[in-house]
Protein backbone atom coordinates (compact mmCIF):
# COMPACT_ATOMS: atom_id res chain seq x y z
CA MET A 1 227.11 40.79 146.16
CA PRO A 2 223.44 40.19 147.14
CA PRO A 3 220.61 41.54 144.97
CA GLY A 4 219.16 44.93 145.80
CA PRO A 5 216.52 47.30 144.43
CA GLY A 6 218.61 50.27 143.32
CA THR A 7 215.69 51.60 141.21
CA ASP A 8 215.88 55.26 142.18
CA ALA A 9 219.68 55.32 142.06
CA ARG A 10 219.65 53.58 138.68
CA GLU A 11 217.15 56.07 137.25
CA ARG A 12 219.19 59.04 138.48
CA PHE A 13 222.38 57.60 136.99
CA LEU A 14 220.80 56.82 133.62
CA ALA A 15 219.19 60.26 133.53
CA ALA A 16 222.71 61.69 133.78
CA HIS A 17 224.11 59.14 131.30
CA PRO A 18 221.30 58.31 128.85
CA ASP A 19 223.74 56.95 126.28
CA LEU A 20 224.57 54.09 128.67
CA ALA A 21 220.97 52.92 128.99
CA PRO A 22 221.27 50.20 126.30
CA VAL A 23 223.90 48.49 128.46
CA LEU A 24 222.93 49.37 132.02
CA ALA A 25 219.13 49.63 131.98
CA GLU A 26 218.74 45.87 132.51
CA ALA A 27 221.91 45.22 134.51
CA PRO A 28 221.19 43.47 137.82
CA ALA A 29 221.19 45.77 140.86
CA VAL A 30 223.09 44.64 143.96
CA ALA A 31 223.35 45.99 147.49
CA LEU A 32 225.85 45.69 150.33
CA PRO A 33 225.57 46.77 153.96
CA ALA A 34 228.38 48.81 155.46
CA GLY A 35 231.36 46.62 156.35
CA ALA A 36 230.51 43.84 153.91
CA SER A 37 233.03 42.50 151.41
CA ALA A 38 232.48 43.29 147.73
CA PHE A 39 235.33 41.03 146.62
CA ARG A 40 238.34 39.27 148.14
CA PRO A 41 241.82 38.28 146.94
CA GLY A 42 241.71 35.17 144.81
CA THR A 43 238.01 35.37 143.96
CA PRO A 44 237.12 35.33 140.26
CA CYS A 45 235.88 38.57 138.69
CA ARG A 46 232.57 37.91 136.96
CA HIS A 47 230.86 41.32 136.87
CA PHE A 48 231.68 44.89 135.91
CA LEU A 49 230.52 47.07 138.81
CA VAL A 50 229.13 50.59 138.58
CA VAL A 51 228.59 52.12 142.02
CA LEU A 52 225.31 54.05 142.21
CA ALA A 53 225.40 55.06 145.88
CA GLY A 54 227.83 54.67 148.77
CA THR A 55 231.57 54.02 148.85
CA VAL A 56 233.72 50.93 148.38
CA ARG A 57 237.26 50.93 149.81
CA VAL A 58 239.80 48.89 147.85
CA GLN A 59 242.71 47.73 149.99
CA LEU A 60 245.65 45.36 149.88
CA THR A 61 247.13 43.34 152.73
CA ALA A 62 250.92 43.12 152.55
CA ALA A 63 252.89 40.02 153.50
CA SER A 64 253.63 41.69 156.84
CA GLY A 65 249.89 41.87 157.57
CA ARG A 66 249.77 45.65 157.09
CA GLU A 67 246.71 46.92 155.22
CA ILE A 68 247.14 49.61 152.57
CA VAL A 69 244.24 51.54 151.07
CA ARG A 70 244.63 51.75 147.28
CA TYR A 71 241.63 53.91 146.45
CA ARG A 72 237.88 54.37 146.95
CA VAL A 73 235.04 53.97 144.50
CA GLY A 74 232.15 56.40 144.96
CA ALA A 75 228.78 57.02 143.35
CA GLY A 76 228.97 57.14 139.56
CA GLU A 77 232.42 55.53 139.51
CA THR A 78 233.83 52.17 138.50
CA CYS A 79 236.59 50.02 139.96
CA ILE A 80 239.83 49.98 137.96
CA LEU A 81 240.78 46.66 139.56
CA THR A 82 237.51 45.07 138.42
CA THR A 83 238.03 46.40 134.89
CA SER A 84 241.60 45.11 134.83
CA CYS A 85 240.62 41.66 136.13
CA LEU A 86 237.82 41.34 133.57
CA LEU A 87 240.06 42.37 130.67
CA ALA A 88 242.84 40.01 131.75
CA ALA A 89 240.52 37.20 132.95
CA GLU A 90 242.29 37.18 136.31
CA ALA A 91 241.16 36.85 139.92
CA TYR A 92 241.07 39.79 142.28
CA PRO A 93 244.46 40.53 143.93
CA ALA A 94 242.98 42.85 146.58
CA GLU A 95 239.89 43.32 148.74
CA GLY A 96 236.90 45.61 148.27
CA VAL A 97 234.97 46.61 151.41
CA ALA A 98 231.78 48.65 151.62
CA GLU A 99 232.56 51.67 153.79
CA THR A 100 228.87 52.62 153.72
CA ALA A 101 225.75 50.93 152.46
CA VAL A 102 226.36 50.46 148.74
CA GLU A 103 224.09 50.15 145.72
CA ALA A 104 225.64 49.12 142.41
CA LEU A 105 224.93 47.70 138.99
CA ALA A 106 226.65 44.43 138.11
CA VAL A 107 227.12 43.88 134.38
CA PRO A 108 227.89 40.17 133.73
CA GLY A 109 231.33 39.56 132.27
CA GLU A 110 230.00 38.28 128.95
CA ARG A 111 227.76 41.32 128.57
CA PHE A 112 230.67 43.57 129.51
CA GLU A 113 232.82 42.18 126.69
CA SER A 114 230.09 42.41 124.06
CA ALA A 115 229.13 45.93 125.15
CA LEU A 116 232.72 47.11 124.77
CA ASP A 117 232.54 46.04 121.12
CA ALA A 118 229.00 47.22 120.41
CA SER A 119 228.65 50.48 122.35
CA PRO A 120 231.11 53.35 121.80
CA ALA A 121 229.47 55.25 124.68
CA PHE A 122 230.01 52.36 127.11
CA ARG A 123 233.55 51.87 125.86
CA ARG A 124 234.35 55.55 126.48
CA PHE A 125 232.79 55.36 129.94
CA VAL A 126 234.83 52.31 130.92
CA PHE A 127 238.18 53.55 129.70
CA ALA A 128 237.69 57.15 130.83
CA GLY A 129 237.11 55.86 134.36
CA TYR A 130 240.11 53.57 134.01
CA ALA A 131 242.34 56.43 132.87
CA ARG A 132 241.24 58.77 135.67
CA ARG A 133 241.86 56.18 138.34
CA LEU A 134 245.21 55.20 136.85
CA ALA A 135 246.30 58.85 136.92
CA GLU A 136 245.26 59.06 140.59
CA LEU A 137 247.23 55.92 141.43
CA LEU A 138 250.32 57.22 139.65
CA GLY A 139 250.01 60.43 141.66
CA LEU A 140 249.76 58.40 144.85
CA ILE A 141 252.91 56.45 143.94
CA GLU A 142 254.72 59.73 143.30
CA ARG A 143 253.66 61.14 146.67
CA VAL A 144 254.70 57.98 148.54
CA ARG A 145 258.05 57.92 146.77
CA PHE A 146 259.01 61.58 147.02
CA GLU A 147 257.16 62.97 150.03
CA GLY A 148 257.89 62.32 153.68
CA LEU A 149 255.34 60.89 156.08
CA ASP A 150 254.88 64.29 157.74
CA ALA A 151 253.65 65.88 154.50
CA ARG A 152 251.34 63.00 153.63
CA LEU A 153 249.93 62.86 157.16
CA ALA A 154 249.29 66.61 157.19
CA ARG A 155 247.48 66.39 153.85
CA LEU A 156 245.33 63.48 155.01
CA LEU A 157 244.29 65.32 158.16
CA LEU A 158 243.31 68.39 156.15
CA GLU A 159 241.34 66.31 153.68
CA ARG A 160 239.45 64.32 156.30
CA ALA A 161 238.82 67.02 158.91
CA GLY A 162 235.22 68.10 159.36
CA ALA A 163 234.05 71.68 159.87
CA ASP A 164 234.84 71.30 163.57
CA GLY A 165 238.36 70.04 162.78
CA ARG A 166 237.61 66.51 163.93
CA VAL A 167 239.15 63.59 162.03
CA ALA A 168 237.27 60.46 163.13
CA LEU A 169 240.09 58.00 162.47
CA THR A 170 242.20 55.92 164.82
CA HIS A 171 245.98 55.91 164.52
CA GLN A 172 245.72 52.46 162.91
CA ALA A 173 243.15 53.68 160.38
CA ILE A 174 245.38 56.62 159.47
CA ALA A 175 248.35 54.28 159.07
CA THR A 176 246.28 52.07 156.76
CA GLU A 177 245.34 55.08 154.64
CA LEU A 178 248.98 56.12 154.33
CA GLY A 179 250.47 52.65 153.93
CA SER A 180 252.59 53.20 157.02
CA ALA A 181 253.05 51.61 160.44
CA ARG A 182 250.81 52.65 163.33
CA GLU A 183 253.82 53.36 165.52
CA ALA A 184 255.25 55.78 162.95
CA VAL A 185 251.92 57.61 162.68
CA THR A 186 251.62 57.84 166.46
CA ARG A 187 255.08 59.39 166.72
CA ARG A 188 254.25 61.97 164.03
CA LEU A 189 250.96 62.87 165.68
CA ARG A 190 252.75 63.40 168.99
CA ASP A 191 255.14 65.74 167.21
CA PHE A 192 252.22 67.56 165.58
CA GLN A 193 250.53 67.91 168.95
CA ALA A 194 253.70 69.31 170.52
CA GLN A 195 253.75 71.92 167.74
CA GLY A 196 250.13 72.86 168.40
CA LEU A 197 248.94 71.56 165.04
CA VAL A 198 246.57 68.91 166.36
CA ARG A 199 245.14 67.49 169.54
CA THR A 200 244.87 63.72 169.79
CA ALA A 201 241.95 61.97 171.44
CA ARG A 202 240.73 58.41 171.70
CA GLY A 203 239.70 57.27 168.23
CA ALA A 204 240.10 60.70 166.66
CA VAL A 205 242.39 63.64 165.94
CA GLU A 206 241.37 67.28 166.22
CA VAL A 207 242.98 69.72 163.79
CA ARG A 208 243.96 72.91 165.65
CA ASP A 209 246.11 74.75 163.08
CA ARG A 210 245.03 74.24 159.46
CA ALA A 211 247.46 76.84 158.13
CA GLY A 212 250.35 75.10 159.86
CA LEU A 213 249.33 71.74 158.41
CA ARG A 214 249.02 73.27 154.94
CA ARG A 215 252.58 74.59 155.19
CA LEU A 216 253.78 71.19 156.34
CA ALA A 217 251.90 69.42 153.53
CA GLY A 218 253.61 71.64 150.99
CA GLU A 219 257.15 71.28 152.30
CA ALA A 220 257.91 68.28 150.08
CA ARG A 221 256.77 70.03 146.91
């Protein structure tokens, strides 16, 4: 990741977490433009990243070539994959992509290890973030295993719809989010449209019946 200023974002973060200042006050700031790669499969993990602003999407490409979104890292959050790779001294198995312009702090690996031993506050911060993300991933696995595509698709549309009901995602982007095939998503969206739940358009989906989608999202529960 290239260097970046991050001064204002750093100050706001440390004002909210003053007990982390001994570790993060001097950590190098980095910046990424939207669409840039934060890390790639096979690259060594040398820094512990704390996102100050923006969003990083962590995704995996299956052997079939299908991309699957694992999770996103937003402002004030850390990447569970980065933490895991640092602790295990392993390379990244997935890709991190900046969905927006991103500012972050990059704690060098050696400093990360020493800070875990020396700073109880930093240690709590690292492992609390790790635990939260792990719980989210376990919930995702449960949904994928026990819920049908209809329920997961309905929930995604509700979560991503703006005030006007517009979901600015292509069928392929939705499939990537759900870990499914584009063709399967397209068939479900056609069914939803026939039921009056949505209206499909080029590069987007318009939610027409939120209550109906909520009922569908809850059918697998």
